[in-house]
Amino acid sequence: RLSCTASGSSFSINLMGWYRQAPGKQRELVALISVGGNTNYA
């Protein structure tokens, strides 16, 4: 389970998500989630 906390912001960030980069490959989308809870997955 990965966690990511945003500091320095007094507002809820619109869109947060995860990307990954394997050795020798380009960075790719893993998943996104909006402030309203809408999700998008690879």
All heavy atoms as atom14 arrays in JSON, in Angstrom:
{
  "sequence": "RLSCTASGSSFSINLMGWYRQAPGKQRELVALISVGGNTNYA",
  "atom14_mask": [
    [1, 1, 1, 1, 1, 1, 1, 1, 1, 1, 1, 0, 0, 0],
    [1, 1, 1, 1, 1, 1, 1, 1, 0, 0, 0, 0, 0, 0],
    [1, 1, 1, 1, 1, 1, 0, 0, 0, 0, 0, 0, 0, 0],
    [1, 1, 1, 1, 1, 1, 0, 0, 0, 0, 0, 0, 0, 0],
    [1, 1, 1, 1, 1, 1, 1, 0, 0, 0, 0, 0, 0, 0],
    [1, 1, 1, 1, 1, 0, 0, 0, 0, 0, 0, 0, 0, 0],
    [1, 1, 1, 1, 1, 1, 0, 0, 0, 0, 0, 0, 0, 0],
    [1, 1, 1, 1, 0, 0, 0, 0, 0, 0, 0, 0, 0, 0],
    [1, 1, 1, 1, 1, 1, 0, 0, 0, 0, 0, 0, 0, 0],
    [1, 1, 1, 1, 1, 1, 0, 0, 0, 0, 0, 0, 0, 0],
    [1, 1, 1, 1, 1, 1, 1, 1, 1, 1, 1, 0, 0, 0],
    [1, 1, 1, 1, 1, 1, 0, 0, 0, 0, 0, 0, 0, 0],
    [1, 1, 1, 1, 1, 1, 1, 1, 0, 0, 0, 0, 0, 0],
    [1, 1, 1, 1, 1, 1, 1, 1, 0, 0, 0, 0, 0, 0],
    [1, 1, 1, 1, 1, 1, 1, 1, 0, 0, 0, 0, 0, 0],
    [1, 1, 1, 1, 1, 1, 1, 1, 0, 0, 0, 0, 0, 0],
    [1, 1, 1, 1, 0, 0, 0, 0, 0, 0, 0, 0, 0, 0],
    [1, 1, 1, 1, 1, 1, 1, 1, 1, 1, 1, 1, 1, 1],
    [1, 1, 1, 1, 1, 1, 1, 1, 1, 1, 1, 1, 0, 0],
    [1, 1, 1, 1, 1, 1, 1, 1, 1, 1, 1, 0, 0, 0],
    [1, 1, 1, 1, 1, 1, 1, 1, 1, 0, 0, 0, 0, 0],
    [1, 1, 1, 1, 1, 0, 0, 0, 0, 0, 0, 0, 0, 0],
    [1, 1, 1, 1, 1, 1, 1, 0, 0, 0, 0, 0, 0, 0],
    [1, 1, 1, 1, 0, 0, 0, 0, 0, 0, 0, 0, 0, 0],
    [1, 1, 1, 1, 1, 1, 1, 1, 1, 0, 0, 0, 0, 0],
    [1, 1, 1, 1, 1, 1, 1, 1, 1, 0, 0, 0, 0, 0],
    [1, 1, 1, 1, 1, 1, 1, 1, 1, 1, 1, 0, 0, 0],
    [1, 1, 1, 1, 1, 1, 1, 1, 1, 0, 0, 0, 0, 0],
    [1, 1, 1, 1, 1, 1, 1, 1, 0, 0, 0, 0, 0, 0],
    [1, 1, 1, 1, 1, 1, 1, 0, 0, 0, 0, 0, 0, 0],
    [1, 1, 1, 1, 1, 0, 0, 0, 0, 0, 0, 0, 0, 0],
    [1, 1, 1, 1, 1, 1, 1, 1, 0, 0, 0, 0, 0, 0],
    [1, 1, 1, 1, 1, 1, 1, 1, 0, 0, 0, 0, 0, 0],
    [1, 1, 1, 1, 1, 1, 0, 0, 0, 0, 0, 0, 0, 0],
    [1, 1, 1, 1, 1, 1, 1, 0, 0, 0, 0, 0, 0, 0],
    [1, 1, 1, 1, 0, 0, 0, 0, 0, 0, 0, 0, 0, 0],
    [1, 1, 1, 1, 0, 0, 0, 0, 0, 0, 0, 0, 0, 0],
    [1, 1, 1, 1, 1, 1, 1, 1, 0, 0, 0, 0, 0, 0],
    [1, 1, 1, 1, 1, 1, 1, 0, 0, 0, 0, 0, 0, 0],
    [1, 1, 1, 1, 1, 1, 1, 1, 0, 0, 0, 0, 0, 0],
    [1, 1, 1, 1, 1, 1, 1, 1, 1, 1, 1, 1, 0, 0],
    [1, 1, 1, 1, 1, 0, 0, 0, 0, 0, 0, 0, 0, 0]
  ],
  "atom14_positions": [
    [[0.85, -1.18, 0.0], [0.0, 0.0, 0.0], [0.89, 1.24, 0.0], [1.68, 1.42, 0.92], [-0.92, 0.02, 1.22], [-1.96, 1.14, 1.18], [-2.71, 1.2, 2.48], [-3.9, 2.04, 2.41], [-4.29, 2.83, 3.4], [-3.59, 2.9, 4.51], [-5.39, 3.55, 3.28], [0.0, 0.0, 0.0], [0.0, 0.0, 0.0], [0.0, 0.0, 0.0]],
    [[0.73, 2.04, -1.02], [1.48, 3.29, -1.12], [0.63, 4.44, -0.62], [-0.6, 4.45, -0.79], [1.88, 3.56, -2.57], [2.66, 2.46, -3.3], [3.02, 2.94, -4.71], [3.88, 2.04, -2.53], [0.0, 0.0, 0.0], [0.0, 0.0, 0.0], [0.0, 0.0, 0.0], [0.0, 0.0, 0.0], [0.0, 0.0, 0.0], [0.0, 0.0, 0.0]],
    [[1.3, 5.42, -0.01], [0.63, 6.63, 0.44], [1.38, 7.84, -0.08], [2.6, 7.8, -0.26], [0.59, 6.69, 1.97], [-0.09, 5.61, 2.52], [0.0, 0.0, 0.0], [0.0, 0.0, 0.0], [0.0, 0.0, 0.0], [0.0, 0.0, 0.0], [0.0, 0.0, 0.0], [0.0, 0.0, 0.0], [0.0, 0.0, 0.0], [0.0, 0.0, 0.0]],
    [[0.64, 8.9, -0.29], [1.26, 10.16, -0.75], [0.48, 11.31, -0.12], [-0.74, 11.41, -0.31], [1.22, 10.25, -2.26], [1.69, 11.88, -2.91], [0.0, 0.0, 0.0], [0.0, 0.0, 0.0], [0.0, 0.0, 0.0], [0.0, 0.0, 0.0], [0.0, 0.0, 0.0], [0.0, 0.0, 0.0], [0.0, 0.0, 0.0], [0.0, 0.0, 0.0]],
    [[1.18, 12.15, 0.6], [0.56, 13.3, 1.25], [1.08, 14.59, 0.64], [2.3, 14.76, 0.48], [0.82, 13.29, 2.75], [0.23, 12.1, 3.32], [0.21, 14.5, 3.42], [0.0, 0.0, 0.0], [0.0, 0.0, 0.0], [0.0, 0.0, 0.0], [0.0, 0.0, 0.0], [0.0, 0.0, 0.0], [0.0, 0.0, 0.0], [0.0, 0.0, 0.0]],
    [[0.16, 15.46, 0.33], [0.51, 16.78, -0.21], [0.53, 17.8, 0.92], [-0.46, 17.94, 1.64], [-0.5, 17.19, -1.28], [0.0, 0.0, 0.0], [0.0, 0.0, 0.0], [0.0, 0.0, 0.0], [0.0, 0.0, 0.0], [0.0, 0.0, 0.0], [0.0, 0.0, 0.0], [0.0, 0.0, 0.0], [0.0, 0.0, 0.0], [0.0, 0.0, 0.0]],
    [[1.63, 18.49, 1.04], [1.73, 19.56, 2.03], [1.92, 20.89, 1.31], [2.27, 20.93, 0.14], [2.9, 19.3, 2.98], [4.13, 19.26, 2.27], [0.0, 0.0, 0.0], [0.0, 0.0, 0.0], [0.0, 0.0, 0.0], [0.0, 0.0, 0.0], [0.0, 0.0, 0.0], [0.0, 0.0, 0.0], [0.0, 0.0, 0.0], [0.0, 0.0, 0.0]],
    [[1.66, 21.97, 2.04], [1.82, 23.3, 1.45], [0.59, 23.77, 0.71], [0.65, 24.78, 0.0], [0.0, 0.0, 0.0], [0.0, 0.0, 0.0], [0.0, 0.0, 0.0], [0.0, 0.0, 0.0], [0.0, 0.0, 0.0], [0.0, 0.0, 0.0], [0.0, 0.0, 0.0], [0.0, 0.0, 0.0], [0.0, 0.0, 0.0], [0.0, 0.0, 0.0]],
    [[-0.52, 23.07, 0.89], [-1.76, 23.45, 0.21], [-2.88, 23.55, 1.23], [-3.05, 22.65, 2.04], [-2.12, 22.42, -0.85], [-3.42, 22.64, -1.32], [0.0, 0.0, 0.0], [0.0, 0.0, 0.0], [0.0, 0.0, 0.0], [0.0, 0.0, 0.0], [0.0, 0.0, 0.0], [0.0, 0.0, 0.0], [0.0, 0.0, 0.0], [0.0, 0.0, 0.0]],
    [[-3.65, 24.63, 1.15], [-4.78, 24.79, 2.06], [-6.08, 24.34, 1.4], [-7.14, 24.44, 2.01], [-4.9, 26.26, 2.49], [-5.1, 27.08, 1.35], [0.0, 0.0, 0.0], [0.0, 0.0, 0.0], [0.0, 0.0, 0.0], [0.0, 0.0, 0.0], [0.0, 0.0, 0.0], [0.0, 0.0, 0.0], [0.0, 0.0, 0.0], [0.0, 0.0, 0.0]],
    [[-6.0, 23.84, 0.19], [-7.19, 23.42, -0.54], [-7.08, 21.95, -0.91], [-5.99, 21.36, -0.89], [-7.33, 24.25, -1.82], [-6.05, 24.35, -2.62], [-5.62, 23.32, -3.44], [-5.26, 25.48, -2.51], [-4.44, 23.4, -4.15], [-4.07, 25.58, -3.23], [-3.66, 24.54, -4.04], [0.0, 0.0, 0.0], [0.0, 0.0, 0.0], [0.0, 0.0, 0.0]],
    [[-8.21, 21.34, -1.24], [-8.2, 19.96, -1.72], [-7.76, 19.96, -3.17], [-8.35, 20.64, -4.0], [-9.59, 19.34, -1.59], [-9.95, 19.18, -0.25], [0.0, 0.0, 0.0], [0.0, 0.0, 0.0], [0.0, 0.0, 0.0], [0.0, 0.0, 0.0], [0.0, 0.0, 0.0], [0.0, 0.0, 0.0], [0.0, 0.0, 0.0], [0.0, 0.0, 0.0]],
    [[-6.75, 19.22, -3.47], [-6.18, 19.17, -4.82], [-7.13, 18.44, -5.75], [-7.64, 17.37, -5.42], [-4.81, 18.5, -4.78], [-3.84, 19.37, -3.97], [-4.28, 18.25, -6.18], [-2.51, 18.75, -3.72], [0.0, 0.0, 0.0], [0.0, 0.0, 0.0], [0.0, 0.0, 0.0], [0.0, 0.0, 0.0], [0.0, 0.0, 0.0], [0.0, 0.0, 0.0]],
    [[-7.36, 19.02, -6.93], [-8.35, 18.49, -7.87], [-8.1, 17.04, -8.25], [-8.99, 16.2, -8.17], [-8.37, 19.33, -9.14], [-9.18, 20.6, -8.98], [-9.9, 20.76, -7.99], [-9.05, 21.5, -9.91], [0.0, 0.0, 0.0], [0.0, 0.0, 0.0], [0.0, 0.0, 0.0], [0.0, 0.0, 0.0], [0.0, 0.0, 0.0], [0.0, 0.0, 0.0]],
    [[-6.9, 16.75, -8.68], [-6.61, 15.44, -9.23], [-5.3, 14.93, -8.63], [-4.3, 15.63, -8.64], [-6.47, 15.52, -10.75], [-6.47, 14.21, -11.54], [-7.82, 13.5, -11.39], [-6.19, 14.49, -13.01], [0.0, 0.0, 0.0], [0.0, 0.0, 0.0], [0.0, 0.0, 0.0], [0.0, 0.0, 0.0], [0.0, 0.0, 0.0], [0.0, 0.0, 0.0]],
    [[-5.35, 13.73, -8.12], [-4.14, 13.09, -7.59], [-4.03, 11.69, -8.17], [-5.04, 11.09, -8.56], [-4.18, 13.02, -6.06], [-4.24, 14.38, -5.39], [-4.09, 14.29, -3.59], [-2.33, 13.98, -3.4], [0.0, 0.0, 0.0], [0.0, 0.0, 0.0], [0.0, 0.0, 0.0], [0.0, 0.0, 0.0], [0.0, 0.0, 0.0], [0.0, 0.0, 0.0]],
    [[-2.83, 11.21, -8.24], [-2.69, 9.88, -8.83], [-1.3, 9.33, -8.74], [-0.42, 9.91, -8.07], [0.0, 0.0, 0.0], [0.0, 0.0, 0.0], [0.0, 0.0, 0.0], [0.0, 0.0, 0.0], [0.0, 0.0, 0.0], [0.0, 0.0, 0.0], [0.0, 0.0, 0.0], [0.0, 0.0, 0.0], [0.0, 0.0, 0.0], [0.0, 0.0, 0.0]],
    [[-1.11, 8.22, -9.41], [0.15, 7.5, -9.39], [0.58, 7.16, -10.82], [-0.24, 6.77, -11.66], [0.01, 6.2, -8.6], [-0.26, 6.42, -7.15], [-1.48, 6.5, -6.54], [0.72, 6.61, -6.13], [-1.32, 6.72, -5.21], [0.02, 6.78, -4.92], [2.11, 6.63, -6.1], [0.66, 6.98, -3.7], [2.75, 6.83, -4.89], [2.04, 7.0, -3.71]],
    [[1.86, 7.33, -11.04], [2.51, 6.88, -12.25], [3.65, 5.96, -11.85], [4.08, 5.97, -10.69], [3.07, 8.07, -13.04], [2.03, 8.95, -13.68], [1.23, 9.79, -12.92], [1.84, 8.94, -15.06], [0.26, 10.59, -13.5], [0.89, 9.75, -15.66], [0.11, 10.57, -14.87], [-0.84, 11.37, -15.48], [0.0, 0.0, 0.0], [0.0, 0.0, 0.0]],
    [[4.15, 5.2, -12.79], [5.29, 4.35, -12.48], [6.24, 4.3, -13.67], [5.84, 4.52, -14.82], [4.86, 2.92, -12.12], [4.25, 2.13, -13.27], [3.75, 0.78, -12.77], [3.16, -0.01, -13.85], [2.53, -1.18, -13.64], [2.41, -1.67, -12.42], [2.04, -1.82, -14.66], [0.0, 0.0, 0.0], [0.0, 0.0, 0.0], [0.0, 0.0, 0.0]],
    [[7.49, 4.01, -13.36], [8.51, 3.9, -14.39], [9.36, 2.68, -14.12], [10.05, 2.6, -13.09], [9.38, 5.15, -14.43], [10.33, 5.19, -15.61], [10.92, 6.58, -15.82], [10.86, 7.44, -14.95], [11.47, 6.8, -17.0], [0.0, 0.0, 0.0], [0.0, 0.0, 0.0], [0.0, 0.0, 0.0], [0.0, 0.0, 0.0], [0.0, 0.0, 0.0]],
    [[9.29, 1.73, -15.04], [10.1, 0.53, -14.95], [11.47, 0.8, -15.57], [11.6, 1.7, -16.41], [9.41, -0.63, -15.67], [0.0, 0.0, 0.0], [0.0, 0.0, 0.0], [0.0, 0.0, 0.0], [0.0, 0.0, 0.0], [0.0, 0.0, 0.0], [0.0, 0.0, 0.0], [0.0, 0.0, 0.0], [0.0, 0.0, 0.0], [0.0, 0.0, 0.0]],
    [[12.47, 0.03, -15.2], [13.81, 0.24, -15.76], [13.8, 0.18, -17.28], [13.25, -0.76, -17.87], [14.62, -0.91, -15.17], [13.92, -1.25, -13.91], [12.46, -1.02, -14.17], [0.0, 0.0, 0.0], [0.0, 0.0, 0.0], [0.0, 0.0, 0.0], [0.0, 0.0, 0.0], [0.0, 0.0, 0.0], [0.0, 0.0, 0.0], [0.0, 0.0, 0.0]],
    [[14.34, 1.2, -17.93], [14.42, 1.23, -19.38], [13.13, 1.56, -20.09], [13.07, 1.5, -21.33], [0.0, 0.0, 0.0], [0.0, 0.0, 0.0], [0.0, 0.0, 0.0], [0.0, 0.0, 0.0], [0.0, 0.0, 0.0], [0.0, 0.0, 0.0], [0.0, 0.0, 0.0], [0.0, 0.0, 0.0], [0.0, 0.0, 0.0], [0.0, 0.0, 0.0]],
    [[12.1, 1.93, -19.34], [10.81, 2.23, -19.96], [10.36, 3.64, -19.6], [10.88, 4.26, -18.67], [9.75, 1.22, -19.51], [10.02, -0.2, -19.99], [8.87, -1.12, -19.64], [9.1, -2.52, -20.15], [7.95, -3.42, -19.83], [0.0, 0.0, 0.0], [0.0, 0.0, 0.0], [0.0, 0.0, 0.0], [0.0, 0.0, 0.0], [0.0, 0.0, 0.0]],
    [[9.38, 4.13, -20.34], [8.84, 5.45, -20.07], [7.9, 5.41, -18.86], [7.33, 4.36, -18.53], [8.08, 5.96, -21.3], [8.97, 6.31, -22.47], [8.19, 6.97, -23.59], [6.99, 6.74, -23.76], [8.86, 7.79, -24.37], [0.0, 0.0, 0.0], [0.0, 0.0, 0.0], [0.0, 0.0, 0.0], [0.0, 0.0, 0.0], [0.0, 0.0, 0.0]],
    [[7.75, 6.55, -18.25], [6.81, 6.67, -17.15], [5.39, 6.48, -17.7], [5.04, 7.02, -18.76], [6.94, 8.03, -16.48], [6.23, 8.15, -15.15], [6.54, 9.48, -14.48], [7.96, 9.61, -14.16], [8.44, 10.62, -13.43], [7.64, 11.56, -12.97], [9.75, 10.68, -13.21], [0.0, 0.0, 0.0], [0.0, 0.0, 0.0], [0.0, 0.0, 0.0]],
    [[4.57, 5.73, -16.95], [3.22, 5.44, -17.42], [2.21, 5.66, -16.3], [2.53, 5.55, -15.11], [3.11, 3.99, -17.92], [3.37, 2.95, -16.86], [3.2, 1.52, -17.36], [2.93, 1.33, -18.56], [3.35, 0.59, -16.54], [0.0, 0.0, 0.0], [0.0, 0.0, 0.0], [0.0, 0.0, 0.0], [0.0, 0.0, 0.0], [0.0, 0.0, 0.0]],
    [[0.99, 5.94, -16.71], [-0.09, 6.14, -15.76], [-0.46, 4.82, -15.09], [-0.54, 3.79, -15.74], [-1.32, 6.68, -16.49], [-2.6, 6.73, -15.67], [-2.5, 7.8, -14.58], [-3.8, 6.98, -16.57], [0.0, 0.0, 0.0], [0.0, 0.0, 0.0], [0.0, 0.0, 0.0], [0.0, 0.0, 0.0], [0.0, 0.0, 0.0], [0.0, 0.0, 0.0]],
    [[-0.68, 4.89, -13.78], [-1.22, 3.75, -13.05], [-2.69, 4.01, -12.71], [-3.57, 3.25, -13.09], [-0.41, 3.5, -11.76], [-1.05, 2.38, -10.94], [1.04, 3.17, -12.08], [0.0, 0.0, 0.0], [0.0, 0.0, 0.0], [0.0, 0.0, 0.0], [0.0, 0.0, 0.0], [0.0, 0.0, 0.0], [0.0, 0.0, 0.0], [0.0, 0.0, 0.0]],
    [[-2.96, 5.1, -11.98], [-4.33, 5.4, -11.59], [-4.43, 6.87, -11.19], [-3.47, 7.47, -10.71], [-4.76, 4.52, -10.42], [0.0, 0.0, 0.0], [0.0, 0.0, 0.0], [0.0, 0.0, 0.0], [0.0, 0.0, 0.0], [0.0, 0.0, 0.0], [0.0, 0.0, 0.0], [0.0, 0.0, 0.0], [0.0, 0.0, 0.0], [0.0, 0.0, 0.0]],
    [[-5.64, 7.42, -11.39], [-5.95, 8.79, -11.01], [-7.25, 8.81, -10.23], [-8.12, 7.96, -10.43], [-6.1, 9.68, -12.25], [-4.89, 9.85, -13.17], [-5.3, 10.58, -14.43], [-3.79, 10.59, -12.44], [0.0, 0.0, 0.0], [0.0, 0.0, 0.0], [0.0, 0.0, 0.0], [0.0, 0.0, 0.0], [0.0, 0.0, 0.0], [0.0, 0.0, 0.0]],
    [[-7.38, 9.83, -9.36], [-8.62, 10.0, -8.63], [-8.88, 11.49, -8.46], [-7.98, 12.25, -8.1], [-8.59, 9.26, -7.27], [-9.95, 9.37, -6.58], [-7.46, 9.77, -6.39], [-10.08, 8.42, -5.39], [0.0, 0.0, 0.0], [0.0, 0.0, 0.0], [0.0, 0.0, 0.0], [0.0, 0.0, 0.0], [0.0, 0.0, 0.0], [0.0, 0.0, 0.0]],
    [[-10.1, 11.9, -8.73], [-10.46, 13.3, -8.6], [-10.88, 13.61, -7.16], [-11.11, 12.7, -6.36], [-11.61, 13.64, -9.55], [-12.8, 13.03, -9.09], [0.0, 0.0, 0.0], [0.0, 0.0, 0.0], [0.0, 0.0, 0.0], [0.0, 0.0, 0.0], [0.0, 0.0, 0.0], [0.0, 0.0, 0.0], [0.0, 0.0, 0.0], [0.0, 0.0, 0.0]],
    [[-11.04, 14.89, -6.87], [-11.46, 15.27, -5.53], [-12.86, 14.74, -5.24], [-13.22, 14.49, -4.08], [-11.39, 16.8, -5.37], [-12.42, 17.48, -6.27], [-11.55, 17.22, -3.93], [0.0, 0.0, 0.0], [0.0, 0.0, 0.0], [0.0, 0.0, 0.0], [0.0, 0.0, 0.0], [0.0, 0.0, 0.0], [0.0, 0.0, 0.0], [0.0, 0.0, 0.0]],
    [[-13.64, 14.5, -6.28], [-14.97, 13.94, -6.11], [-15.02, 12.43, -6.05], [-16.1, 11.85, -5.89], [0.0, 0.0, 0.0], [0.0, 0.0, 0.0], [0.0, 0.0, 0.0], [0.0, 0.0, 0.0], [0.0, 0.0, 0.0], [0.0, 0.0, 0.0], [0.0, 0.0, 0.0], [0.0, 0.0, 0.0], [0.0, 0.0, 0.0], [0.0, 0.0, 0.0]],
    [[-13.86, 11.79, -6.23], [-13.8, 10.34, -6.11], [-13.87, 9.58, -7.43], [-13.87, 8.34, -7.43], [0.0, 0.0, 0.0], [0.0, 0.0, 0.0], [0.0, 0.0, 0.0], [0.0, 0.0, 0.0], [0.0, 0.0, 0.0], [0.0, 0.0, 0.0], [0.0, 0.0, 0.0], [0.0, 0.0, 0.0], [0.0, 0.0, 0.0], [0.0, 0.0, 0.0]],
    [[-13.92, 10.28, -8.54], [-13.9, 9.58, -9.83], [-12.5, 9.02, -10.09], [-11.51, 9.7, -9.86], [-14.29, 10.53, -10.96], [-15.72, 10.99, -10.84], [-16.61, 10.21, -10.53], [-15.96, 12.27, -11.08], [0.0, 0.0, 0.0], [0.0, 0.0, 0.0], [0.0, 0.0, 0.0], [0.0, 0.0, 0.0], [0.0, 0.0, 0.0], [0.0, 0.0, 0.0]],
    [[-12.46, 7.78, -10.57], [-11.18, 7.1, -10.76], [-10.94, 6.7, -12.2], [-11.89, 6.53, -12.98], [-11.09, 5.85, -9.87], [-12.18, 4.97, -10.21], [-11.18, 6.21, -8.4], [0.0, 0.0, 0.0], [0.0, 0.0, 0.0], [0.0, 0.0, 0.0], [0.0, 0.0, 0.0], [0.0, 0.0, 0.0], [0.0, 0.0, 0.0], [0.0, 0.0, 0.0]],
    [[-9.66, 6.54, -12.51], [-9.26, 6.09, -13.84], [-8.03, 5.21, -13.65], [-7.09, 5.61, -12.96], [-8.92, 7.29, -14.73], [-8.57, 6.87, -16.14], [-9.11, 5.9, -16.65], [-7.65, 7.6, -16.76], [0.0, 0.0, 0.0], [0.0, 0.0, 0.0], [0.0, 0.0, 0.0], [0.0, 0.0, 0.0], [0.0, 0.0, 0.0], [0.0, 0.0, 0.0]],
    [[-8.06, 4.02, -14.27], [-6.97, 3.07, -14.11], [-6.38, 2.68, -15.46], [-7.07, 2.65, -16.48], [-7.47, 1.78, -13.45], [-7.92, 1.93, -12.02], [-9.25, 2.17, -11.72], [-7.01, 1.8, -10.97], [-9.67, 2.29, -10.41], [-7.42, 1.92, -9.66], [-8.76, 2.16, -9.38], [-9.17, 2.28, -8.08], [0.0, 0.0, 0.0], [0.0, 0.0, 0.0]],
    [[-5.12, 2.33, -15.43], [-4.5, 1.75, -16.62], [-5.15, 0.39, -16.9], [-5.39, -0.38, -15.97], [-3.0, 1.58, -16.39], [0.0, 0.0, 0.0], [0.0, 0.0, 0.0], [0.0, 0.0, 0.0], [0.0, 0.0, 0.0], [0.0, 0.0, 0.0], [0.0, 0.0, 0.0], [0.0, 0.0, 0.0], [0.0, 0.0, 0.0], [0.0, 0.0, 0.0]]
  ]
}
